[in-house]
Amino acid sequence: MPIKQIKRFLFGPPRLSREEAMKVFKRDHFKCQYCGLEGMQSFENWLILTIDHVHPHARGGAHSMNNLVTACQPCNLIKGKREYKTLEDAKKHVLAKREEWQQRYQSQLKAGAAAAH
């Protein structure tokens, strides 16, 4: 096993510096590039902003500015380590999943309310 893979296995992926992350946040105006969450709208929104690798680092994606975007934690989790040809393809997937989960949430909420009565 190559040393690079051993290091990744033992220590996880290398993290971005605070300065690098701030460059991405500023470039993206502190806004999730998937769902549009405005990070500067509230402290709670700002707390959940992360940096996402469009081409996942786990699959060889670089820490370069053209591969990094601002993402809220839910969108970053939904996208995961899947590979997409473009940011737009990833965004379509993330938004579709968010819609699916929202509908599931709404139906469970209604079912729970009906059971409570």
PDB file of N, CA and C in Angstrom:
ATOM      1  N   MET A   1       0.860  -1.182   0.000  1.00  0.00           N
ATOM      2  CA  MET A   1       0.000   0.000   0.000  1.00  0.00           C
ATOM      3  C   MET A   1       0.903   1.240   0.000  1.00  0.00           C
ATOM      4  N   PRO A   2       0.690   2.160  -0.939  1.00  0.00           N
ATOM      5  CA  PRO A   2       1.520   3.370  -0.989  1.00  0.00           C
ATOM      6  C   PRO A   2       1.387   4.205   0.288  1.00  0.00           C
ATOM      7  N   ILE A   3       2.444   4.923   0.620  1.00  0.00           N
ATOM      8  CA  ILE A   3       2.477   5.738   1.840  1.00  0.00           C
ATOM      9  C   ILE A   3       1.341   6.749   1.871  1.00  0.00           C
ATOM     10  N   LYS A   4       1.012   7.346   0.732  1.00  0.00           N
ATOM     11  CA  LYS A   4      -0.082   8.324   0.685  1.00  0.00           C
ATOM     12  C   LYS A   4      -1.386   7.700   1.166  1.00  0.00           C
ATOM     13  N   GLN A   5      -1.679   6.470   0.740  1.00  0.00           N
ATOM     14  CA  GLN A   5      -2.899   5.784   1.153  1.00  0.00           C
ATOM     15  C   GLN A   5      -2.842   5.412   2.631  1.00  0.00           C
ATOM     16  N   ILE A   6      -1.688   5.021   3.109  1.00  0.00           N
ATOM     17  CA  ILE A   6      -1.533   4.685   4.525  1.00  0.00           C
ATOM     18  C   ILE A   6      -1.788   5.924   5.382  1.00  0.00           C
ATOM     19  N   LYS A   7      -1.209   7.062   4.989  1.00  0.00           N
ATOM     20  CA  LYS A   7      -1.418   8.310   5.734  1.00  0.00           C
ATOM     21  C   LYS A   7      -2.892   8.672   5.758  1.00  0.00           C
ATOM     22  N   ARG A   8      -3.566   8.572   4.607  1.00  0.00           N
ATOM     23  CA  ARG A   8      -4.988   8.906   4.529  1.00  0.00           C
ATOM     24  C   ARG A   8      -5.802   7.981   5.416  1.00  0.00           C
ATOM     25  N   PHE A   9      -5.450   6.685   5.430  1.00  0.00           N
ATOM     26  CA  PHE A   9      -6.155   5.715   6.260  1.00  0.00           C
ATOM     27  C   PHE A   9      -5.963   6.026   7.742  1.00  0.00           C
ATOM     28  N   LEU A  10      -4.751   6.328   8.137  1.00  0.00           N
ATOM     29  CA  LEU A  10      -4.453   6.572   9.548  1.00  0.00           C
ATOM     30  C   LEU A  10      -4.901   7.941  10.048  1.00  0.00           C
ATOM     31  N   PHE A  11      -4.730   8.955   9.211  1.00  0.00           N
ATOM     32  CA  PHE A  11      -4.948  10.323   9.675  1.00  0.00           C
ATOM     33  C   PHE A  11      -6.120  11.025   9.016  1.00  0.00           C
ATOM     34  N   GLY A  12      -6.757  10.420   8.039  1.00  0.00           N
ATOM     35  CA  GLY A  12      -7.845  11.072   7.320  1.00  0.00           C
ATOM     36  C   GLY A  12      -7.290  12.040   6.291  1.00  0.00           C
ATOM     37  N   PRO A  13      -8.184  12.666   5.522  1.00  0.00           N
ATOM     38  CA  PRO A  13      -7.724  13.589   4.478  1.00  0.00           C
ATOM     39  C   PRO A  13      -7.112  14.848   5.103  1.00  0.00           C
ATOM     40  N   PRO A  14      -6.146  15.444   4.423  1.00  0.00           N
ATOM     41  CA  PRO A  14      -5.585  16.691   4.948  1.00  0.00           C
ATOM     42  C   PRO A  14      -6.651  17.778   4.943  1.00  0.00           C
ATOM     43  N   ARG A  15      -6.625  18.611   5.952  1.00  0.00           N
ATOM     44  CA  ARG A  15      -7.637  19.650   6.086  1.00  0.00           C
ATOM     45  C   ARG A  15      -7.157  20.935   5.432  1.00  0.00           C
ATOM     46  N   LEU A  16      -8.123  21.731   5.012  1.00  0.00           N
ATOM     47  CA  LEU A  16      -7.798  23.048   4.478  1.00  0.00           C
ATOM     48  C   LEU A  16      -7.427  23.967   5.626  1.00  0.00           C
ATOM     49  N   SER A  17      -6.558  24.898   5.346  1.00  0.00           N
ATOM     50  CA  SER A  17      -6.246  25.896   6.367  1.00  0.00           C
ATOM     51  C   SER A  17      -7.429  26.852   6.487  1.00  0.00           C
ATOM     52  N   ARG A  18      -7.503  27.528   7.596  1.00  0.00           N
ATOM     53  CA  ARG A  18      -8.568  28.514   7.818  1.00  0.00           C
ATOM     54  C   ARG A  18      -8.516  29.581   6.715  1.00  0.00           C
ATOM     55  N   GLU A  19      -7.312  29.981   6.318  1.00  0.00           N
ATOM     56  CA  GLU A  19      -7.151  31.007   5.279  1.00  0.00           C
ATOM     57  C   GLU A  19      -7.696  30.527   3.936  1.00  0.00           C
ATOM     58  N   GLU A  20      -7.405  29.258   3.590  1.00  0.00           N
ATOM     59  CA  GLU A  20      -7.917  28.702   2.331  1.00  0.00           C
ATOM     60  C   GLU A  20      -9.447  28.629   2.349  1.00  0.00           C
ATOM     61  N   ALA A  21      -9.994  28.182   3.464  1.00  0.00           N
ATOM     62  CA  ALA A  21     -11.450  28.091   3.582  1.00  0.00           C
ATOM     63  C   ALA A  21     -12.086  29.471   3.456  1.00  0.00           C
ATOM     64  N   MET A  22     -11.496  30.468   4.083  1.00  0.00           N
ATOM     65  CA  MET A  22     -12.059  31.824   4.008  1.00  0.00           C
ATOM     66  C   MET A  22     -12.038  32.358   2.580  1.00  0.00           C
ATOM     67  N   LYS A  23     -11.019  32.013   1.816  1.00  0.00           N
ATOM     68  CA  LYS A  23     -10.973  32.435   0.412  1.00  0.00           C
ATOM     69  C   LYS A  23     -12.163  31.863  -0.359  1.00  0.00           C
ATOM     70  N   VAL A  24     -12.490  30.599  -0.097  1.00  0.00           N
ATOM     71  CA  VAL A  24     -13.624  29.958  -0.773  1.00  0.00           C
ATOM     72  C   VAL A  24     -14.928  30.608  -0.319  1.00  0.00           C
ATOM     73  N   PHE A  25     -15.097  30.793   1.004  1.00  0.00           N
ATOM     74  CA  PHE A  25     -16.314  31.433   1.520  1.00  0.00           C
ATOM     75  C   PHE A  25     -16.508  32.818   0.914  1.00  0.00           C
ATOM     76  N   LYS A  26     -15.446  33.596   0.887  1.00  0.00           N
ATOM     77  CA  LYS A  26     -15.553  34.956   0.340  1.00  0.00           C
ATOM     78  C   LYS A  26     -15.889  34.935  -1.144  1.00  0.00           C
ATOM     79  N   ARG A  27     -15.218  34.077  -1.890  1.00  0.00           N
ATOM     80  CA  ARG A  27     -15.495  33.976  -3.325  1.00  0.00           C
ATOM     81  C   ARG A  27     -16.961  33.634  -3.570  1.00  0.00           C
ATOM     82  N   ASP A  28     -17.514  32.740  -2.729  1.00  0.00           N
ATOM     83  CA  ASP A  28     -18.902  32.275  -2.888  1.00  0.00           C
ATOM     84  C   ASP A  28     -19.892  33.122  -2.101  1.00  0.00           C
ATOM     85  N   HIS A  29     -19.428  34.236  -1.541  1.00  0.00           N
ATOM     86  CA  HIS A  29     -20.279  35.168  -0.789  1.00  0.00           C
ATOM     87  C   HIS A  29     -20.995  34.482   0.377  1.00  0.00           C
ATOM     88  N   PHE A  30     -20.286  33.540   1.028  1.00  0.00           N
ATOM     89  CA  PHE A  30     -20.821  32.827   2.195  1.00  0.00           C
ATOM     90  C   PHE A  30     -22.198  32.222   1.897  1.00  0.00           C
ATOM     91  N   LYS A  31     -22.327  31.637   0.711  1.00  0.00           N
ATOM     92  CA  LYS A  31     -23.603  31.089   0.250  1.00  0.00           C
ATOM     93  C   LYS A  31     -23.402  29.659  -0.240  1.00  0.00           C
ATOM     94  N   CYS A  32     -24.271  28.739   0.224  1.00  0.00           N
ATOM     95  CA  CYS A  32     -24.198  27.353  -0.230  1.00  0.00           C
ATOM     96  C   CYS A  32     -24.412  27.318  -1.738  1.00  0.00           C
ATOM     97  N   GLN A  33     -23.494  26.684  -2.441  1.00  0.00           N
ATOM     98  CA  GLN A  33     -23.564  26.638  -3.890  1.00  0.00           C
ATOM     99  C   GLN A  33     -24.557  25.589  -4.400  1.00  0.00           C
ATOM    100  N   TYR A  34     -25.157  24.839  -3.479  1.00  0.00           N
ATOM    101  CA  TYR A  34     -26.159  23.846  -3.859  1.00  0.00           C
ATOM    102  C   TYR A  34     -27.574  24.368  -3.613  1.00  0.00           C
ATOM    103  N   CYS A  35     -27.882  24.732  -2.375  1.00  0.00           N
ATOM    104  CA  CYS A  35     -29.257  25.131  -2.048  1.00  0.00           C
ATOM    105  C   CYS A  35     -29.443  26.638  -1.915  1.00  0.00           C
ATOM    106  N   GLY A  36     -28.352  27.396  -1.854  1.00  0.00           N
ATOM    107  CA  GLY A  36     -28.452  28.843  -1.771  1.00  0.00           C
ATOM    108  C   GLY A  36     -28.556  29.397  -0.361  1.00  0.00           C
ATOM    109  N   LEU A  37     -28.386  28.577   0.662  1.00  0.00           N
ATOM    110  CA  LEU A  37     -28.443  29.056   2.037  1.00  0.00           C
ATOM    111  C   LEU A  37     -27.471  30.223   2.218  1.00  0.00           C
ATOM    112  N   GLU A  38     -27.970  31.309   2.754  1.00  0.00           N
ATOM    113  CA  GLU A  38     -27.168  32.520   2.981  1.00  0.00           C
ATOM    114  C   GLU A  38     -26.484  32.420   4.339  1.00  0.00           C
ATOM    115  N   GLY A  39     -25.201  32.193   4.343  1.00  0.00           N
ATOM    116  CA  GLY A  39     -24.457  32.042   5.574  1.00  0.00           C
ATOM    117  C   GLY A  39     -24.380  33.288   6.426  1.00  0.00           C
ATOM    118  N   MET A  40     -24.497  34.445   5.820  1.00  0.00           N
ATOM    119  CA  MET A  40     -24.396  35.696   6.574  1.00  0.00           C
ATOM    120  C   MET A  40     -25.761  36.181   7.067  1.00  0.00           C
ATOM    121  N   GLN A  41     -26.824  35.450   6.754  1.00  0.00           N
ATOM    122  CA  GLN A  41     -28.168  35.858   7.160  1.00  0.00           C
ATOM    123  C   GLN A  41     -28.372  35.691   8.661  1.00  0.00           C
ATOM    124  N   SER A  42     -27.747  34.663   9.236  1.00  0.00           N
ATOM    125  CA  SER A  42     -27.871  34.448  10.679  1.00  0.00           C
ATOM    126  C   SER A  42     -26.662  33.659  11.167  1.00  0.00           C
ATOM    127  N   PHE A  43     -26.433  33.734  12.450  1.00  0.00           N
ATOM    128  CA  PHE A  43     -25.336  32.989  13.054  1.00  0.00           C
ATOM    129  C   PHE A  43     -25.525  31.489  12.840  1.00  0.00           C
ATOM    130  N   GLU A  44     -26.773  31.004  12.968  1.00  0.00           N
ATOM    131  CA  GLU A  44     -27.061  29.583  12.783  1.00  0.00           C
ATOM    132  C   GLU A  44     -26.717  29.126  11.369  1.00  0.00           C
ATOM    133  N   ASN A  45     -27.026  29.957  10.378  1.00  0.00           N
ATOM    134  CA  ASN A  45     -26.665  29.614   8.998  1.00  0.00           C
ATOM    135  C   ASN A  45     -25.154  29.570   8.826  1.00  0.00           C
ATOM    136  N   TRP A  46     -24.488  30.556   9.391  1.00  0.00           N
ATOM    137  CA  TRP A  46     -23.031  30.629   9.262  1.00  0.00           C
ATOM    138  C   TRP A  46     -22.371  29.397   9.879  1.00  0.00           C
ATOM    139  N   LEU A  47     -22.920  28.921  11.011  1.00  0.00           N
ATOM    140  CA  LEU A  47     -22.337  27.776  11.710  1.00  0.00           C
ATOM    141  C   LEU A  47     -22.312  26.504  10.875  1.00  0.00           C
ATOM    142  N   ILE A  48     -23.246  26.352   9.960  1.00  0.00           N
ATOM    143  CA  ILE A  48     -23.321  25.082   9.224  1.00  0.00           C
ATOM    144  C   ILE A  48     -22.645  25.128   7.855  1.00  0.00           C
ATOM    145  N   LEU A  49     -21.957  26.226   7.541  1.00  0.00           N
ATOM    146  CA  LEU A  49     -21.234  26.273   6.272  1.00  0.00           C
ATOM    147  C   LEU A  49     -19.972  25.415   6.333  1.00  0.00           C
ATOM    148  N   THR A  50     -19.717  24.724   5.238  1.00  0.00           N
ATOM    149  CA  THR A  50     -18.530  23.887   5.105  1.00  0.00           C
ATOM    150  C   THR A  50     -17.919  24.135   3.734  1.00  0.00           C
ATOM    151  N   ILE A  51     -16.797  23.492   3.495  1.00  0.00           N
ATOM    152  CA  ILE A  51     -16.177  23.508   2.173  1.00  0.00           C
ATOM    153  C   ILE A  51     -16.359  22.121   1.565  1.00  0.00           C
ATOM    154  N   ASP A  52     -16.835  22.072   0.333  1.00  0.00           N
ATOM    155  CA  ASP A  52     -17.032  20.805  -0.364  1.00  0.00           C
ATOM    156  C   ASP A  52     -16.079  20.713  -1.542  1.00  0.00           C
ATOM    157  N   HIS A  53     -15.584  19.518  -1.784  1.00  0.00           N
ATOM    158  CA  HIS A  53     -14.801  19.229  -2.988  1.00  0.00           C
ATOM    159  C   HIS A  53     -15.782  18.778  -4.069  1.00  0.00           C
ATOM    160  N   VAL A  54     -15.906  19.517  -5.154  1.00  0.00           N
ATOM    161  CA  VAL A  54     -16.815  19.131  -6.239  1.00  0.00           C
ATOM    162  C   VAL A  54     -16.427  17.739  -6.723  1.00  0.00           C
ATOM    163  N   HIS A  55     -15.160  17.546  -7.054  1.00  0.00           N
ATOM    164  CA  HIS A  55     -14.625  16.209  -7.326  1.00  0.00           C
ATOM    165  C   HIS A  55     -14.063  15.751  -5.987  1.00  0.00           C
ATOM    166  N   PRO A  56     -14.684  14.760  -5.346  1.00  0.00           N
ATOM    167  CA  PRO A  56     -14.332  14.402  -3.971  1.00  0.00           C
ATOM    168  C   PRO A  56     -12.842  14.137  -3.755  1.00  0.00           C
ATOM    169  N   HIS A  57     -12.341  14.667  -2.662  1.00  0.00           N
ATOM    170  CA  HIS A  57     -10.941  14.449  -2.303  1.00  0.00           C
ATOM    171  C   HIS A  57     -10.669  12.961  -2.139  1.00  0.00           C
ATOM    172  N   ALA A  58     -11.649  12.228  -1.605  1.00  0.00           N
ATOM    173  CA  ALA A  58     -11.502  10.788  -1.408  1.00  0.00           C
ATOM    174  C   ALA A  58     -11.343  10.036  -2.731  1.00  0.00           C
ATOM    175  N   ARG A  59     -11.711  10.682  -3.817  1.00  0.00           N
ATOM    176  CA  ARG A  59     -11.585  10.060  -5.139  1.00  0.00           C
ATOM    177  C   ARG A  59     -10.550  10.783  -6.002  1.00  0.00           C
ATOM    178  N   GLY A  60      -9.634  11.461  -5.337  1.00  0.00           N
ATOM    179  CA  GLY A  60      -8.518  12.089  -6.049  1.00  0.00           C
ATOM    180  C   GLY A  60      -8.686  13.565  -6.341  1.00  0.00           C
ATOM    181  N   GLY A  61      -9.773  14.182  -5.895  1.00  0.00           N
ATOM    182  CA  GLY A  61     -10.001  15.603  -6.140  1.00  0.00           C
ATOM    183  C   GLY A  61      -8.982  16.474  -5.410  1.00  0.00           C
ATOM    184  N   ALA A  62      -8.595  17.538  -6.059  1.00  0.00           N
ATOM    185  CA  ALA A  62      -7.563  18.423  -5.518  1.00  0.00           C
ATOM    186  C   ALA A  62      -8.140  19.442  -4.537  1.00  0.00           C
ATOM    187  N   HIS A  63      -7.254  20.022  -3.751  1.00  0.00           N
ATOM    188  CA  HIS A  63      -7.611  21.119  -2.847  1.00  0.00           C
ATOM    189  C   HIS A  63      -7.508  22.461  -3.579  1.00  0.00           C
ATOM    190  N   SER A  64      -7.708  22.472  -4.883  1.00  0.00           N
ATOM    191  CA  SER A  64      -7.577  23.705  -5.662  1.00  0.00           C
ATOM    192  C   SER A  64      -8.875  24.508  -5.618  1.00  0.00           C
ATOM    193  N   MET A  65      -8.754  25.815  -5.780  1.00  0.00           N
ATOM    194  CA  MET A  65      -9.914  26.706  -5.702  1.00  0.00           C
ATOM    195  C   MET A  65     -11.001  26.329  -6.704  1.00  0.00           C
ATOM    196  N   ASN A  66     -10.629  25.820  -7.870  1.00  0.00           N
ATOM    197  CA  ASN A  66     -11.653  25.476  -8.856  1.00  0.00           C
ATOM    198  C   ASN A  66     -12.354  24.152  -8.539  1.00  0.00           C
ATOM    199  N   ASN A  67     -11.920  23.450  -7.489  1.00  0.00           N
ATOM    200  CA  ASN A  67     -12.574  22.218  -7.067  1.00  0.00           C
ATOM    201  C   ASN A  67     -13.270  22.381  -5.717  1.00  0.00           C
ATOM    202  N   LEU A  68     -13.204  23.563  -5.130  1.00  0.00           N
ATOM    203  CA  LEU A  68     -13.782  23.796  -3.806  1.00  0.00           C
ATOM    204  C   LEU A  68     -14.949  24.764  -3.896  1.00  0.00           C
ATOM    205  N   VAL A  69     -16.022  24.457  -3.169  1.00  0.00           N
ATOM    206  CA  VAL A  69     -17.183  25.348  -3.107  1.00  0.00           C
ATOM    207  C   VAL A  69     -17.700  25.403  -1.676  1.00  0.00           C
ATOM    208  N   THR A  70     -18.429  26.465  -1.378  1.00  0.00           N
ATOM    209  CA  THR A  70     -19.116  26.592  -0.103  1.00  0.00           C
ATOM    210  C   THR A  70     -20.370  25.742  -0.154  1.00  0.00           C
ATOM    211  N   ALA A  71     -20.576  24.956   0.905  1.00  0.00           N
ATOM    212  CA  ALA A  71     -21.772  24.115   1.000  1.00  0.00           C
ATOM    213  C   ALA A  71     -22.238  24.081   2.445  1.00  0.00           C
ATOM    214  N   CYS A  72     -23.547  24.056   2.638  1.00  0.00           N
ATOM    215  CA  CYS A  72     -24.054  23.855   3.997  1.00  0.00           C
ATOM    216  C   CYS A  72     -23.854  22.372   4.332  1.00  0.00           C
ATOM    217  N   GLN A  73     -23.851  22.056   5.612  1.00  0.00           N
ATOM    218  CA  GLN A  73     -23.613  20.674   6.020  1.00  0.00           C
ATOM    219  C   GLN A  73     -24.629  19.698   5.439  1.00  0.00           C
ATOM    220  N   PRO A  74     -25.950  20.035   5.424  1.00  0.00           N
ATOM    221  CA  PRO A  74     -26.897  19.074   4.824  1.00  0.00           C
ATOM    222  C   PRO A  74     -26.591  18.783   3.349  1.00  0.00           C
ATOM    223  N   CYS A  75     -26.301  19.810   2.566  1.00  0.00           N
ATOM    224  CA  CYS A  75     -26.004  19.587   1.144  1.00  0.00           C
ATOM    225  C   CYS A  75     -24.705  18.800   0.973  1.00  0.00           C
ATOM    226  N   ASN A  76     -23.709  19.111   1.795  1.00  0.00           N
ATOM    227  CA  ASN A  76     -22.439  18.395   1.717  1.00  0.00           C
ATOM    228  C   ASN A  76     -22.649  16.922   2.050  1.00  0.00           C
ATOM    229  N   LEU A  77     -23.482  16.643   3.037  1.00  0.00           N
ATOM    230  CA  LEU A  77     -23.779  15.270   3.417  1.00  0.00           C
ATOM    231  C   LEU A  77     -24.527  14.545   2.300  1.00  0.00           C
ATOM    232  N   ILE A  78     -25.512  15.212   1.702  1.00  0.00           N
ATOM    233  CA  ILE A  78     -26.283  14.601   0.608  1.00  0.00           C
ATOM    234  C   ILE A  78     -25.377  14.279  -0.571  1.00  0.00           C
ATOM    235  N   LYS A  79     -24.516  15.214  -0.942  1.00  0.00           N
ATOM    236  CA  LYS A  79     -23.624  14.990  -2.078  1.00  0.00           C
ATOM    237  C   LYS A  79     -22.640  13.882  -1.771  1.00  0.00           C
ATOM    238  N   GLY A  80     -22.097  13.889  -0.578  1.00  0.00           N
ATOM    239  CA  GLY A  80     -21.181  12.833  -0.168  1.00  0.00           C
ATOM    240  C   GLY A  80     -19.969  12.718  -1.068  1.00  0.00           C
ATOM    241  N   LYS A  81     -19.555  11.487  -1.314  1.00  0.00           N
ATOM    242  CA  LYS A  81     -18.358  11.221  -2.121  1.00  0.00           C
ATOM    243  C   LYS A  81     -18.702  10.856  -3.560  1.00  0.00           C
ATOM    244  N   ARG A  82     -19.950  11.130  -3.945  1.00  0.00           N
ATOM    245  CA  ARG A  82     -20.343  10.813  -5.321  1.00  0.00           C
ATOM    246  C   ARG A  82     -19.589  11.716  -6.300  1.00  0.00           C
ATOM    247  N   GLU A  83     -19.358  11.178  -7.472  1.00  0.00           N
ATOM    248  CA  GLU A  83     -18.666  11.953  -8.509  1.00  0.00           C
ATOM    249  C   GLU A  83     -19.664  12.465  -9.538  1.00  0.00           C
ATOM    250  N   TYR A  84     -19.472  13.689  -9.963  1.00  0.00           N
ATOM    251  CA  TYR A  84     -20.305  14.331 -10.979  1.00  0.00           C
ATOM    252  C   TYR A  84     -19.391  14.994 -11.989  1.00  0.00           C
ATOM    253  N   LYS A  85     -19.897  15.138 -13.205  1.00  0.00           N
ATOM    254  CA  LYS A  85     -19.098  15.792 -14.237  1.00  0.00           C
ATOM    255  C   LYS A  85     -18.934  17.272 -13.959  1.00  0.00           C
ATOM    256  N   THR A  86     -20.012  17.892 -13.419  1.00  0.00           N
ATOM    257  CA  THR A  86     -19.973  19.331 -13.174  1.00  0.00           C
ATOM    258  C   THR A  86     -20.629  19.662 -11.842  1.00  0.00           C
ATOM    259  N   LEU A  87     -20.389  20.866 -11.386  1.00  0.00           N
ATOM    260  CA  LEU A  87     -21.065  21.368 -10.190  1.00  0.00           C
ATOM    261  C   LEU A  87     -22.574  21.381 -10.414  1.00  0.00           C
ATOM    262  N   GLU A  88     -23.014  21.729 -11.611  1.00  0.00           N
ATOM    263  CA  GLU A  88     -24.449  21.760 -11.916  1.00  0.00           C
ATOM    264  C   GLU A  88     -25.083  20.376 -11.786  1.00  0.00           C
ATOM    265  N   ASP A  89     -24.377  19.331 -12.217  1.00  0.00           N
ATOM    266  CA  ASP A  89     -24.890  17.969 -12.068  1.00  0.00           C
ATOM    267  C   ASP A  89     -25.029  17.610 -10.586  1.00  0.00           C
ATOM    268  N   ALA A  90     -24.037  17.968  -9.797  1.00  0.00           N
ATOM    269  CA  ALA A  90     -24.084  17.711  -8.354  1.00  0.00           C
ATOM    270  C   ALA A  90     -25.240  18.482  -7.725  1.00  0.00           C
ATOM    271  N   LYS A  91     -25.407  19.735  -8.151  1.00  0.00           N
ATOM    272  CA  LYS A  91     -26.472  20.575  -7.606  1.00  0.00           C
ATOM    273  C   LYS A  91     -27.844  19.977  -7.906  1.00  0.00           C
ATOM    274  N   LYS A  92     -28.043  19.474  -9.114  1.00  0.00           N
ATOM    275  CA  LYS A  92     -29.321  18.842  -9.477  1.00  0.00           C
ATOM    276  C   LYS A  92     -29.613  17.658  -8.570  1.00  0.00           C
ATOM    277  N   HIS A  93     -28.608  16.834  -8.331  1.00  0.00           N
ATOM    278  CA  HIS A  93     -28.785  15.671  -7.460  1.00  0.00           C
ATOM    279  C   HIS A  93     -29.136  16.108  -6.039  1.00  0.00           C
ATOM    280  N   VAL A  94     -28.374  17.057  -5.504  1.00  0.00           N
ATOM    281  CA  VAL A  94     -28.585  17.514  -4.127  1.00  0.00           C
ATOM    282  C   VAL A  94     -29.980  18.109  -3.968  1.00  0.00           C
ATOM    283  N   LEU A  95     -30.391  18.959  -4.890  1.00  0.00           N
ATOM    284  CA  LEU A  95     -31.716  19.588  -4.789  1.00  0.00           C
ATOM    285  C   LEU A  95     -32.839  18.567  -4.910  1.00  0.00           C
ATOM    286  N   ALA A  96     -32.664  17.564  -5.779  1.00  0.00           N
ATOM    287  CA  ALA A  96     -33.674  16.511  -5.916  1.00  0.00           C
ATOM    288  C   ALA A  96     -33.790  15.712  -4.616  1.00  0.00           C
ATOM    289  N   LYS A  97     -32.664  15.381  -4.012  1.00  0.00           N
ATOM    290  CA  LYS A  97     -32.677  14.640  -2.744  1.00  0.00           C
ATOM    291  C   LYS A  97     -33.301  15.473  -1.636  1.00  0.00           C
ATOM    292  N   ARG A  98     -32.978  16.767  -1.583  1.00  0.00           N
ATOM    293  CA  ARG A  98     -33.571  17.638  -0.559  1.00  0.00           C
ATOM    294  C   ARG A  98     -35.093  17.663  -0.715  1.00  0.00           C
ATOM    295  N   GLU A  99     -35.567  17.744  -1.946  1.00  0.00           N
ATOM    296  CA  GLU A  99     -37.010  17.746  -2.210  1.00  0.00           C
ATOM    297  C   GLU A  99     -37.630  16.421  -1.780  1.00  0.00           C
ATOM    298  N   GLU A 100     -36.980  15.332  -2.117  1.00  0.00           N
ATOM    299  CA  GLU A 100     -37.477  14.009  -1.727  1.00  0.00           C
ATOM    300  C   GLU A 100     -37.563  13.897  -0.201  1.00  0.00           C
ATOM    301  N   TRP A 101     -36.517  14.333   0.486  1.00  0.00           N
ATOM    302  CA  TRP A 101     -36.506  14.259   1.946  1.00  0.00           C
ATOM    303  C   TRP A 101     -37.554  15.183   2.558  1.00  0.00           C
ATOM    304  N   GLN A 102     -37.760  16.339   1.957  1.00  0.00           N
ATOM    305  CA  GLN A 102     -38.769  17.265   2.473  1.00  0.00           C
ATOM    306  C   GLN A 102     -40.166  16.653   2.345  1.00  0.00           C
ATOM    307  N   GLN A 103     -40.438  16.024   1.217  1.00  0.00           N
ATOM    308  CA  GLN A 103     -41.735  15.375   1.037  1.00  0.00           C
ATOM    309  C   GLN A 103     -41.924  14.237   2.034  1.00  0.00           C
ATOM    310  N   ARG A 104     -40.876  13.461   2.259  1.00  0.00           N
ATOM    311  CA  ARG A 104     -40.942  12.372   3.234  1.00  0.00           C
ATOM    312  C   ARG A 104     -41.191  12.940   4.640  1.00  0.00           C
ATOM    313  N   TYR A 105     -40.509  14.014   4.970  1.00  0.00           N
ATOM    314  CA  TYR A 105     -40.703  14.680   6.263  1.00  0.00           C
ATOM    315  C   TYR A 105     -42.150  15.144   6.420  1.00  0.00           C
ATOM    316  N   GLN A 106     -42.671  15.808   5.376  1.00  0.00           N
ATOM    317  CA  GLN A 106     -44.046  16.312   5.430  1.00  0.00           C
ATOM    318  C   GLN A 106     -45.048  15.178   5.619  1.00  0.00           C
ATOM    319  N   SER A 107     -44.863  14.070   4.916  1.00  0.00           N
ATOM    320  CA  SER A 107     -45.809  12.961   5.039  1.00  0.00           C
ATOM    321  C   SER A 107     -45.714  12.317   6.419  1.00  0.00           C
ATOM    322  N   GLN A 108     -44.521  12.201   6.967  1.00  0.00           N
ATOM    323  CA  GLN A 108     -44.371  11.643   8.313  1.00  0.00           C
ATOM    324  C   GLN A 108     -44.943  12.583   9.360  1.00  0.00           C
ATOM    325  N   LEU A 109     -44.790  13.872   9.138  1.00  0.00           N
ATOM    326  CA  LEU A 109     -45.348  14.878  10.061  1.00  0.00           C
ATOM    327  C   LEU A 109     -46.866  14.775  10.089  1.00  0.00           C
ATOM    328  N   LYS A 110     -47.468  14.673   8.896  1.00  0.00           N
ATOM    329  CA  LYS A 110     -48.932  14.536   8.801  1.00  0.00           C
ATOM    330  C   LYS A 110     -49.394  13.226   9.445  1.00  0.00           C
ATOM    331  N   ALA A 111     -48.665  12.143   9.203  1.00  0.00           N
ATOM    332  CA  ALA A 111     -49.041  10.853   9.783  1.00  0.00           C
ATOM    333  C   ALA A 111     -48.940  10.905  11.303  1.00  0.00           C
ATOM    334  N   GLY A 112     -47.930  11.566  11.810  1.00  0.00           N
ATOM    335  CA  GLY A 112     -47.768  11.711  13.250  1.00  0.00           C
ATOM    336  C   GLY A 112     -48.852  12.558  13.873  1.00  0.00           C
ATOM    337  N   ALA A 113     -49.242  13.627  13.178  1.00  0.00           N
ATOM    338  CA  ALA A 113     -50.319  14.499  13.673  1.00  0.00           C
ATOM    339  C   ALA A 113     -51.654  13.756  13.670  1.00  0.00           C
ATOM    340  N   ALA A 114     -51.888  12.949  12.634  1.00  0.00           N
ATOM    341  CA  ALA A 114     -53.140  12.197  12.546  1.00  0.00           C
ATOM    342  C   ALA A 114     -53.207  11.133  13.645  1.00  0.00           C
ATOM    343  N   ALA A 115     -52.082  10.521  13.959  1.00  0.00           N
ATOM    344  CA  ALA A 115     -52.042   9.489  14.996  1.00  0.00           C
ATOM    345  C   ALA A 115     -52.232  10.101  16.382  1.00  0.00           C
ATOM    346  N   ALA A 116     -51.865  11.346  16.560  1.00  0.00           N
ATOM    347  CA  ALA A 116     -51.975  12.018  17.855  1.00  0.00           C
ATOM    348  C   ALA A 116     -53.422  12.388  18.170  1.00  0.00           C
ATOM    349  N   HIS A 117     -54.255  12.471  17.153  1.00  0.00           N
ATOM    350  CA  HIS A 117     -55.665  12.865  17.370  1.00  0.00           C
ATOM    351  C   HIS A 117     -56.525  11.714  17.594  1.00  0.00           C
TER     352      HIS A 117
END
